[in-house]
Amino acid sequence: MAQIRVENVRKEFGDFTAVQSSSFTVEDGEFFMLLGPSGCGKTTTLRMMAGLELPTSGQIYIGGEEVGMKPASQRDIAFVFQMFALYPHMNVGKNMSYPLLSQGMSKSDAQKRVREVARILGIEDILNKSVSGLSGGDRQRVALGRAIVREPKAFLMDEPLGALDAEFREHMSEELRALHDRMGATTVYVTHDQLEAMQMGDKIVVMNHGVVEQFGTPQDIYDKPATMFVAGFIGSPPMNFLHFEGEVLENSTTVELSGQTIAIPPQRESAQGKLAFGVRPEHVKLSDESEFRGKILSTEYLGTSQILTIQTQNGDLKVRTSSAQLVNVGETVGLTFNEKTITLFDESSGIAIRSDLNIGSI
């Protein structure tokens, strides 16, 4: 397996820039997620790592070797597509052995390797079956098997579970992560599903309009969003933004919202103008004592919890609270915030204002 480094990579298609000077490192053995909405540049980035697209500028290193201008055949990687890309005229075993035979491996050695991988994936009993009659989950296992048999330096996966239904997709994501842990393989995985990325990934790159907005662990990206885009893209419901205009000085520990003093983490930077007070729904509590108040607009029952939509003078926010807490639409409630979890943003740039307790990294 191998480390993968992407350094200042840019990709242009005529006048359109798909990826803008992106840099990040995938460590040897990591399960690494490229996350973002459709059109953000994540698949283009993956295709450049695979050699299916050549970068306009920048460098890509696999195992310490610069491969940015090398074709895919010379990179020793395996690519797994969303739509499986299996050969319909071959059975499962032949689909899996094809890349080995095409590299000159003997038929007996190829069959032995196929059986080993089939045992790992639990598809030993379908090796002689036609791929056209398989379920979506089995076809995905075959596609993974065809990639694994080669024992490449890295696996690159472009939304490999995207064609599966929601319930089976969750099951396959657990299997895929468990398989990765057994093999210790360097894996780069593209997805638009932030829950999938948070559950499966060791590290995540969040992309938007061809730009790397943030790079870090799932917990860092959730707790310490570097930009308003990341804060609003990650989480269900996503982070709330309460809008205000004013000045925050270095070492400030409070802000004013609707005339009320609200505690925040000590700030390491100053900012002024249009600002946003960011807080996750689970970090807002209802409190009769608080003078910062809002009106309940709606409730959403989720079993053990409920999501309240509350209107305040600084904007609407979502509150996740116990479903046992009795509330009524239309009533006015007091709100308190967990000060250690607050992130302030400069609305003009969308970038987080750094604090001692909450430091995002772009």
Protein backbone atom coordinates (compact mmCIF):
# COMPACT_ATOMS: atom_id res chain seq x y z
CA MET A 1 0.00 0.00 0.00
CA ALA A 2 1.10 3.62 -0.31
CA GLN A 3 0.74 7.23 0.75
CA ILE A 4 -0.92 9.53 -1.81
CA ARG A 5 -0.05 13.24 -1.96
CA VAL A 6 -1.95 15.80 -3.99
CA GLU A 7 -0.07 19.10 -4.25
CA ASN A 8 -1.59 22.25 -5.78
CA VAL A 9 -3.50 20.25 -8.36
CA ARG A 10 -5.64 22.22 -10.79
CA LYS A 11 -7.87 20.97 -13.59
CA GLU A 12 -9.34 23.12 -16.35
CA PHE A 13 -11.74 22.10 -19.09
CA GLY A 14 -11.49 24.99 -21.51
CA ASP A 15 -12.73 28.09 -19.68
CA PHE A 16 -14.16 26.01 -16.81
CA THR A 17 -12.00 25.28 -13.75
CA ALA A 18 -13.18 22.03 -12.16
CA VAL A 19 -10.50 21.83 -9.44
CA GLN A 20 -8.63 24.81 -8.02
CA SER A 21 -5.15 24.28 -6.55
CA SER A 22 -6.11 21.42 -4.23
CA SER A 23 -3.66 19.92 -1.74
CA PHE A 24 -4.03 17.06 0.78
CA THR A 25 -2.32 13.84 1.85
CA VAL A 26 -3.80 10.35 2.14
CA GLU A 27 -1.65 8.39 4.58
CA ASP A 28 -0.72 4.77 3.96
CA GLY A 29 -3.62 2.55 5.06
CA GLU A 30 -6.18 5.33 5.56
CA PHE A 31 -9.81 5.20 4.53
CA PHE A 32 -10.06 8.66 3.02
CA MET A 33 -13.26 10.40 1.91
CA LEU A 34 -13.68 13.03 -0.83
CA LEU A 35 -16.98 14.67 0.13
CA GLY A 36 -19.08 17.39 -1.44
CA PRO A 37 -22.18 18.19 -3.50
CA SER A 38 -22.56 17.29 -7.18
CA GLY A 39 -20.21 19.31 -9.38
CA CYS A 40 -17.78 20.21 -6.58
CA GLY A 41 -14.76 18.57 -8.27
CA LYS A 42 -14.42 15.45 -6.12
CA THR A 43 -14.79 12.91 -8.96
CA THR A 44 -12.46 14.94 -11.19
CA THR A 45 -9.90 14.90 -8.37
CA LEU A 46 -10.26 11.13 -8.01
CA ARG A 47 -9.92 10.63 -11.78
CA MET A 48 -6.69 12.65 -11.75
CA MET A 49 -5.37 10.46 -8.93
CA ALA A 50 -6.29 7.41 -11.03
CA GLY A 51 -4.73 8.74 -14.25
CA LEU A 52 -8.07 8.91 -16.08
CA GLU A 53 -7.64 12.70 -16.28
CA LEU A 54 -4.34 14.59 -16.38
CA PRO A 55 -3.99 17.69 -14.21
CA THR A 56 -3.58 21.10 -15.83
CA SER A 57 -0.97 21.86 -13.16
CA GLY A 58 0.26 20.48 -9.85
CA GLN A 59 1.73 17.15 -8.72
CA ILE A 60 0.32 13.79 -7.61
CA TYR A 61 2.54 11.33 -5.72
CA ILE A 62 1.74 7.67 -5.08
CA GLY A 63 4.19 5.88 -2.81
CA GLY A 64 6.60 8.81 -3.15
CA GLU A 65 6.63 8.64 -6.96
CA GLU A 66 5.35 11.59 -8.99
CA VAL A 67 2.68 10.16 -11.32
CA GLY A 68 0.72 13.24 -12.39
CA MET A 69 1.45 12.73 -16.09
CA LYS A 70 1.57 8.92 -16.09
CA PRO A 71 -1.32 6.93 -17.58
CA ALA A 72 -3.55 4.85 -15.33
CA SER A 73 -1.88 1.59 -16.41
CA GLN A 74 1.40 2.71 -14.84
CA ARG A 75 0.05 3.77 -11.44
CA ASP A 76 -0.74 0.39 -9.82
CA ILE A 77 -4.14 1.47 -8.52
CA ALA A 78 -7.59 -0.14 -8.70
CA PHE A 79 -10.67 1.92 -9.58
CA VAL A 80 -14.17 0.88 -8.47
CA PHE A 81 -17.03 2.59 -10.31
CA GLN A 82 -20.56 3.34 -9.12
CA MET A 83 -22.14 1.26 -11.89
CA PHE A 84 -19.90 -1.78 -11.25
CA ALA A 85 -18.45 -1.90 -14.84
CA LEU A 86 -18.51 -5.71 -14.96
CA TYR A 87 -18.23 -7.78 -18.14
CA PRO A 88 -21.75 -9.18 -18.78
CA HIS A 89 -20.53 -12.06 -20.99
CA MET A 90 -18.28 -13.44 -18.20
CA ASN A 91 -19.25 -15.24 -15.01
CA VAL A 92 -18.17 -13.96 -11.59
CA GLY A 93 -14.91 -15.91 -11.43
CA LYS A 94 -13.83 -14.81 -14.90
CA ASN A 95 -14.67 -11.17 -14.12
CA MET A 96 -12.45 -11.35 -11.06
CA SER A 97 -9.57 -13.20 -12.74
CA TYR A 98 -9.50 -11.04 -15.88
CA PRO A 99 -7.13 -8.32 -14.53
CA LEU A 100 -4.70 -11.00 -13.30
CA LEU A 101 -4.67 -12.92 -16.58
CA SER A 102 -4.25 -9.69 -18.55
CA GLN A 103 -1.10 -9.00 -16.50
CA GLY A 104 0.35 -12.40 -17.42
CA MET A 105 -0.44 -14.40 -14.28
CA SER A 106 -0.94 -18.12 -14.86
CA LYS A 107 -4.51 -19.41 -14.86
CA SER A 108 -3.94 -21.63 -11.82
CA ASP A 109 -2.41 -18.81 -9.76
CA ALA A 110 -5.20 -16.45 -10.83
CA GLN A 111 -7.87 -18.95 -9.79
CA LYS A 112 -6.19 -19.45 -6.42
CA ARG A 113 -6.11 -15.70 -5.80
CA VAL A 114 -9.75 -15.34 -6.90
CA ARG A 115 -10.85 -18.04 -4.45
CA GLU A 116 -8.96 -16.32 -1.60
CA VAL A 117 -10.63 -12.97 -2.29
CA ALA A 118 -14.05 -14.59 -2.84
CA ARG A 119 -13.77 -16.15 0.61
CA ILE A 120 -13.02 -12.74 2.15
CA LEU A 121 -16.05 -11.22 0.39
CA GLY A 122 -18.37 -14.15 1.02
CA ILE A 123 -19.04 -14.85 -2.67
CA GLU A 124 -17.44 -18.29 -3.04
CA ASP A 125 -20.82 -19.83 -3.91
CA ILE A 126 -21.45 -17.55 -6.92
CA LEU A 127 -18.11 -17.78 -8.74
CA ASN A 128 -19.70 -19.76 -11.60
CA LYS A 129 -22.81 -17.59 -11.88
CA SER A 130 -23.47 -14.99 -14.58
CA VAL A 131 -23.11 -11.44 -13.29
CA SER A 132 -26.28 -10.37 -15.12
CA GLY A 133 -28.48 -12.34 -12.71
CA LEU A 134 -26.90 -11.09 -9.49
CA SER A 135 -28.39 -8.67 -6.97
CA GLY A 136 -26.96 -5.18 -6.69
CA GLY A 137 -25.10 -6.09 -3.51
CA ASP A 138 -23.49 -9.18 -5.01
CA ARG A 139 -22.51 -7.28 -8.15
CA GLN A 140 -20.85 -4.67 -5.96
CA ARG A 141 -18.94 -7.40 -4.12
CA VAL A 142 -17.76 -8.79 -7.46
CA ALA A 143 -16.59 -5.32 -8.54
CA LEU A 144 -14.70 -4.97 -5.26
CA GLY A 145 -13.27 -8.45 -5.67
CA ARG A 146 -11.98 -7.67 -9.15
CA ALA A 147 -10.16 -4.67 -7.68
CA ILE A 148 -8.82 -6.51 -4.62
CA VAL A 149 -7.32 -9.49 -6.49
CA ARG A 150 -4.71 -7.22 -8.06
CA GLU A 151 -3.29 -6.17 -4.66
CA PRO A 152 -2.70 -2.60 -5.90
CA LYS A 153 -1.03 0.24 -4.03
CA ALA A 154 -4.39 1.98 -3.52
CA PHE A 155 -8.11 1.60 -4.14
CA LEU A 156 -10.00 4.54 -5.64
CA MET A 157 -13.79 4.31 -5.37
CA ASP A 158 -16.29 6.62 -7.08
CA GLU A 159 -19.58 6.38 -5.11
CA PRO A 160 -19.44 2.56 -5.25
CA LEU A 161 -22.63 2.16 -3.20
CA GLY A 162 -24.63 4.87 -4.95
CA ALA A 163 -26.75 2.45 -7.00
CA LEU A 164 -27.95 0.49 -3.95
CA ASP A 165 -31.13 1.16 -1.98
CA ALA A 166 -30.75 3.01 1.32
CA GLU A 167 -31.04 0.03 3.69
CA PHE A 168 -28.64 -2.21 1.77
CA ARG A 169 -26.29 0.71 1.18
CA GLU A 170 -25.87 1.13 4.95
CA HIS A 171 -25.18 -2.60 5.31
CA MET A 172 -22.61 -2.57 2.49
CA SER A 173 -20.88 0.52 3.90
CA GLU A 174 -20.32 -1.38 7.16
CA GLU A 175 -18.98 -4.37 5.22
CA LEU A 176 -16.71 -2.18 3.13
CA ARG A 177 -15.23 -0.47 6.17
CA ALA A 178 -14.70 -3.85 7.89
CA LEU A 179 -13.01 -5.17 4.74
CA HIS A 180 -10.72 -2.14 4.69
CA ASP A 181 -9.77 -2.69 8.34
CA ARG A 182 -8.86 -6.36 7.64
CA MET A 183 -6.75 -5.49 4.60
CA GLY A 184 -5.19 -2.21 5.78
CA ALA A 185 -5.57 -0.88 2.25
CA THR A 186 -5.10 2.77 1.26
CA THR A 187 -8.57 3.74 0.05
CA VAL A 188 -9.89 6.99 -1.43
CA TYR A 189 -13.69 7.07 -1.60
CA VAL A 190 -15.87 9.70 -3.30
CA THR A 191 -19.33 10.42 -1.91
CA HIS A 192 -21.91 13.21 -1.68
CA ASP A 193 -23.43 11.59 1.42
CA GLN A 194 -22.08 13.32 4.53
CA LEU A 195 -23.39 10.57 6.86
CA GLU A 196 -21.53 7.94 4.83
CA ALA A 197 -18.36 10.03 4.98
CA MET A 198 -18.62 10.61 8.73
CA GLN A 199 -19.31 6.94 9.50
CA MET A 200 -16.67 5.39 7.25
CA GLY A 201 -13.78 7.81 6.91
CA ASP A 202 -10.54 8.22 8.86
CA LYS A 203 -10.05 11.61 7.18
CA ILE A 204 -12.34 13.75 5.04
CA VAL A 205 -11.74 16.40 2.41
CA VAL A 206 -14.78 18.63 1.93
CA MET A 207 -14.90 20.25 -1.53
CA ASN A 208 -17.07 23.01 -2.95
CA HIS A 209 -16.83 24.59 -6.41
CA GLY A 210 -13.47 22.93 -7.00
CA VAL A 211 -11.97 24.21 -3.74
CA VAL A 212 -10.86 22.18 -0.71
CA GLU A 213 -12.86 23.88 2.07
CA GLN A 214 -11.53 21.69 4.88
CA PHE A 215 -9.37 18.62 5.47
CA GLY A 216 -9.38 16.67 8.74
CA THR A 217 -10.91 13.93 10.87
CA PRO A 218 -14.71 13.53 10.96
CA GLN A 219 -14.78 14.90 14.51
CA ASP A 220 -12.68 17.97 13.63
CA ILE A 221 -14.87 18.75 10.64
CA TYR A 222 -18.06 18.37 12.68
CA ASP A 223 -16.87 20.18 15.82
CA LYS A 224 -14.55 22.74 14.21
CA PRO A 225 -15.93 23.72 10.78
CA ALA A 226 -13.52 25.96 8.91
CA THR A 227 -16.18 27.65 6.77
CA MET A 228 -19.90 28.31 6.77
CA PHE A 229 -20.22 25.93 3.82
CA VAL A 230 -18.71 23.04 5.82
CA ALA A 231 -20.82 23.91 8.88
CA GLY A 232 -23.98 23.94 6.76
CA PHE A 233 -23.13 20.84 4.72
CA ILE A 234 -22.16 18.57 7.63
CA GLY A 235 -24.76 17.51 10.18
CA SER A 236 -28.43 16.55 10.11
CA PRO A 237 -29.85 19.08 10.78
CA PRO A 238 -26.79 21.20 9.93
CA MET A 239 -25.29 23.95 12.07
CA ASN A 240 -27.53 26.93 12.87
CA PHE A 241 -26.44 30.46 11.99
CA LEU A 242 -27.69 33.43 14.00
CA HIS A 243 -26.81 36.66 12.20
CA PHE A 244 -25.63 39.86 13.85
CA GLU A 245 -23.56 42.93 13.05
CA GLY A 246 -20.86 44.16 15.34
CA GLU A 247 -17.26 43.73 16.45
CA VAL A 248 -15.50 40.84 18.14
CA LEU A 249 -12.10 41.64 19.61
CA GLU A 250 -9.16 39.33 20.25
CA ASN A 251 -9.70 37.52 23.58
CA SER A 252 -13.45 38.35 23.52
CA THR A 253 -15.54 35.89 25.52
CA THR A 254 -19.03 37.28 24.79
CA VAL A 255 -21.15 38.64 21.95
CA GLU A 256 -24.42 40.58 21.93
CA LEU A 257 -27.46 38.94 20.33
CA SER A 258 -30.72 40.92 20.44
CA GLY A 259 -29.40 42.91 23.40
CA GLN A 260 -28.46 39.77 25.35
CA THR A 261 -24.91 38.82 26.34
CA ILE A 262 -23.99 35.33 25.10
CA ALA A 263 -20.82 33.50 26.17
CA ILE A 264 -18.40 32.27 23.45
CA PRO A 265 -14.95 30.61 23.48
CA PRO A 266 -12.04 33.08 23.87
CA GLN A 267 -11.27 34.48 20.42
CA ARG A 268 -7.79 34.45 18.87
CA GLU A 269 -8.75 36.92 16.14
CA SER A 270 -10.67 40.16 15.82
CA ALA A 271 -13.50 40.67 13.34
CA GLN A 272 -16.19 43.21 12.62
CA GLY A 273 -19.11 43.75 10.29
CA LYS A 274 -21.64 41.07 9.41
CA LEU A 275 -20.95 38.02 11.55
CA ALA A 276 -22.66 34.66 12.15
CA PHE A 277 -23.00 32.81 15.45
CA GLY A 278 -22.80 29.07 14.63
CA VAL A 279 -24.23 26.40 16.93
CA ARG A 280 -25.28 22.78 16.38
CA PRO A 281 -28.94 21.85 17.14
CA GLU A 282 -27.93 19.49 19.96
CA HIS A 283 -26.00 22.29 21.69
CA VAL A 284 -29.07 24.50 22.17
CA LYS A 285 -31.21 23.99 25.29
CA LEU A 286 -34.58 25.35 26.36
CA SER A 287 -34.38 27.37 29.57
CA ASP A 288 -37.02 29.39 31.43
CA GLU A 289 -34.27 31.55 32.97
CA SER A 290 -32.73 32.72 29.67
CA GLU A 291 -33.62 36.16 28.36
CA PHE A 292 -32.65 35.21 24.79
CA ARG A 293 -35.96 33.99 23.50
CA GLY A 294 -37.65 32.60 20.42
CA LYS A 295 -41.01 31.39 19.16
CA ILE A 296 -41.59 27.72 18.30
CA LEU A 297 -42.68 27.49 14.67
CA SER A 298 -42.84 23.70 14.28
CA THR A 299 -41.90 20.35 15.82
CA GLU A 300 -40.65 17.18 14.13
CA TYR A 301 -41.06 13.93 16.09
CA LEU A 302 -38.15 11.47 15.67
CA GLY A 303 -38.94 8.84 18.30
CA THR A 304 -36.59 9.44 21.23
CA SER A 305 -35.88 13.01 20.09
CA GLN A 306 -37.63 15.88 18.36
CA ILE A 307 -36.45 18.77 16.19
CA LEU A 308 -37.88 22.17 17.03
CA THR A 309 -37.77 25.08 14.58
CA ILE A 310 -37.56 28.30 16.58
CA GLN A 311 -37.80 31.87 15.29
CA THR A 312 -35.50 34.46 16.88
CA GLN A 313 -34.65 38.06 16.06
CA ASN A 314 -31.33 36.84 14.64
CA GLY A 315 -32.80 34.12 12.41
CA ASP A 316 -34.49 30.72 12.70
CA LEU A 317 -32.70 27.83 14.34
CA LYS A 318 -33.17 24.10 14.87
CA VAL A 319 -33.05 22.57 18.36
CA ARG A 320 -32.66 18.83 18.97
CA THR A 321 -34.24 17.89 22.29
CA SER A 322 -35.86 14.94 24.02
CA SER A 323 -39.29 13.98 22.70
CA ALA A 324 -40.36 13.78 26.37
CA GLN A 325 -40.00 17.57 26.65
CA LEU A 326 -43.49 19.02 26.25
CA VAL A 327 -43.65 22.06 23.95
CA ASN A 328 -46.36 23.74 21.91
CA VAL A 329 -46.18 25.40 18.52
CA GLY A 330 -46.57 29.13 18.99
CA GLU A 331 -45.14 29.36 22.53
CA THR A 332 -42.14 31.51 23.35
CA VAL A 333 -39.17 29.82 25.02
CA GLY A 334 -35.81 30.84 26.43
CA LEU A 335 -32.65 29.46 24.82
CA THR A 336 -29.16 28.76 26.14
CA PHE A 337 -26.05 27.64 24.24
CA ASN A 338 -23.10 25.42 25.11
CA GLU A 339 -20.43 28.11 24.89
CA LYS A 340 -17.57 25.65 24.21
CA THR A 341 -19.23 24.54 20.97
CA ILE A 342 -19.83 27.99 19.43
CA THR A 343 -18.11 28.96 16.17
CA LEU A 344 -18.19 32.54 14.88
CA PHE A 345 -17.93 33.25 11.16
CA ASP A 346 -17.17 36.30 9.06
CA GLU A 347 -20.17 36.35 6.72
CA SER A 348 -18.35 38.24 3.95
CA SER A 349 -15.70 35.52 3.54
CA GLY A 350 -17.63 32.62 5.09
CA ILE A 351 -14.50 31.69 7.07
CA ALA A 352 -14.50 30.76 10.77
CA ILE A 353 -13.01 33.21 13.23
CA ARG A 354 -10.50 31.22 15.23
CA SER A 355 -10.90 30.69 18.96
CA ASP A 356 -8.82 28.98 21.64
CA LEU A 357 -11.35 26.15 21.92
CA ASN A 358 -12.47 25.75 18.34
CA ILE A 359 -9.86 25.95 15.60
CA GLY A 360 -10.90 24.89 12.12
CA SER A 361 -8.28 24.36 9.38
CA ILE A 362 -8.68 25.08 5.71
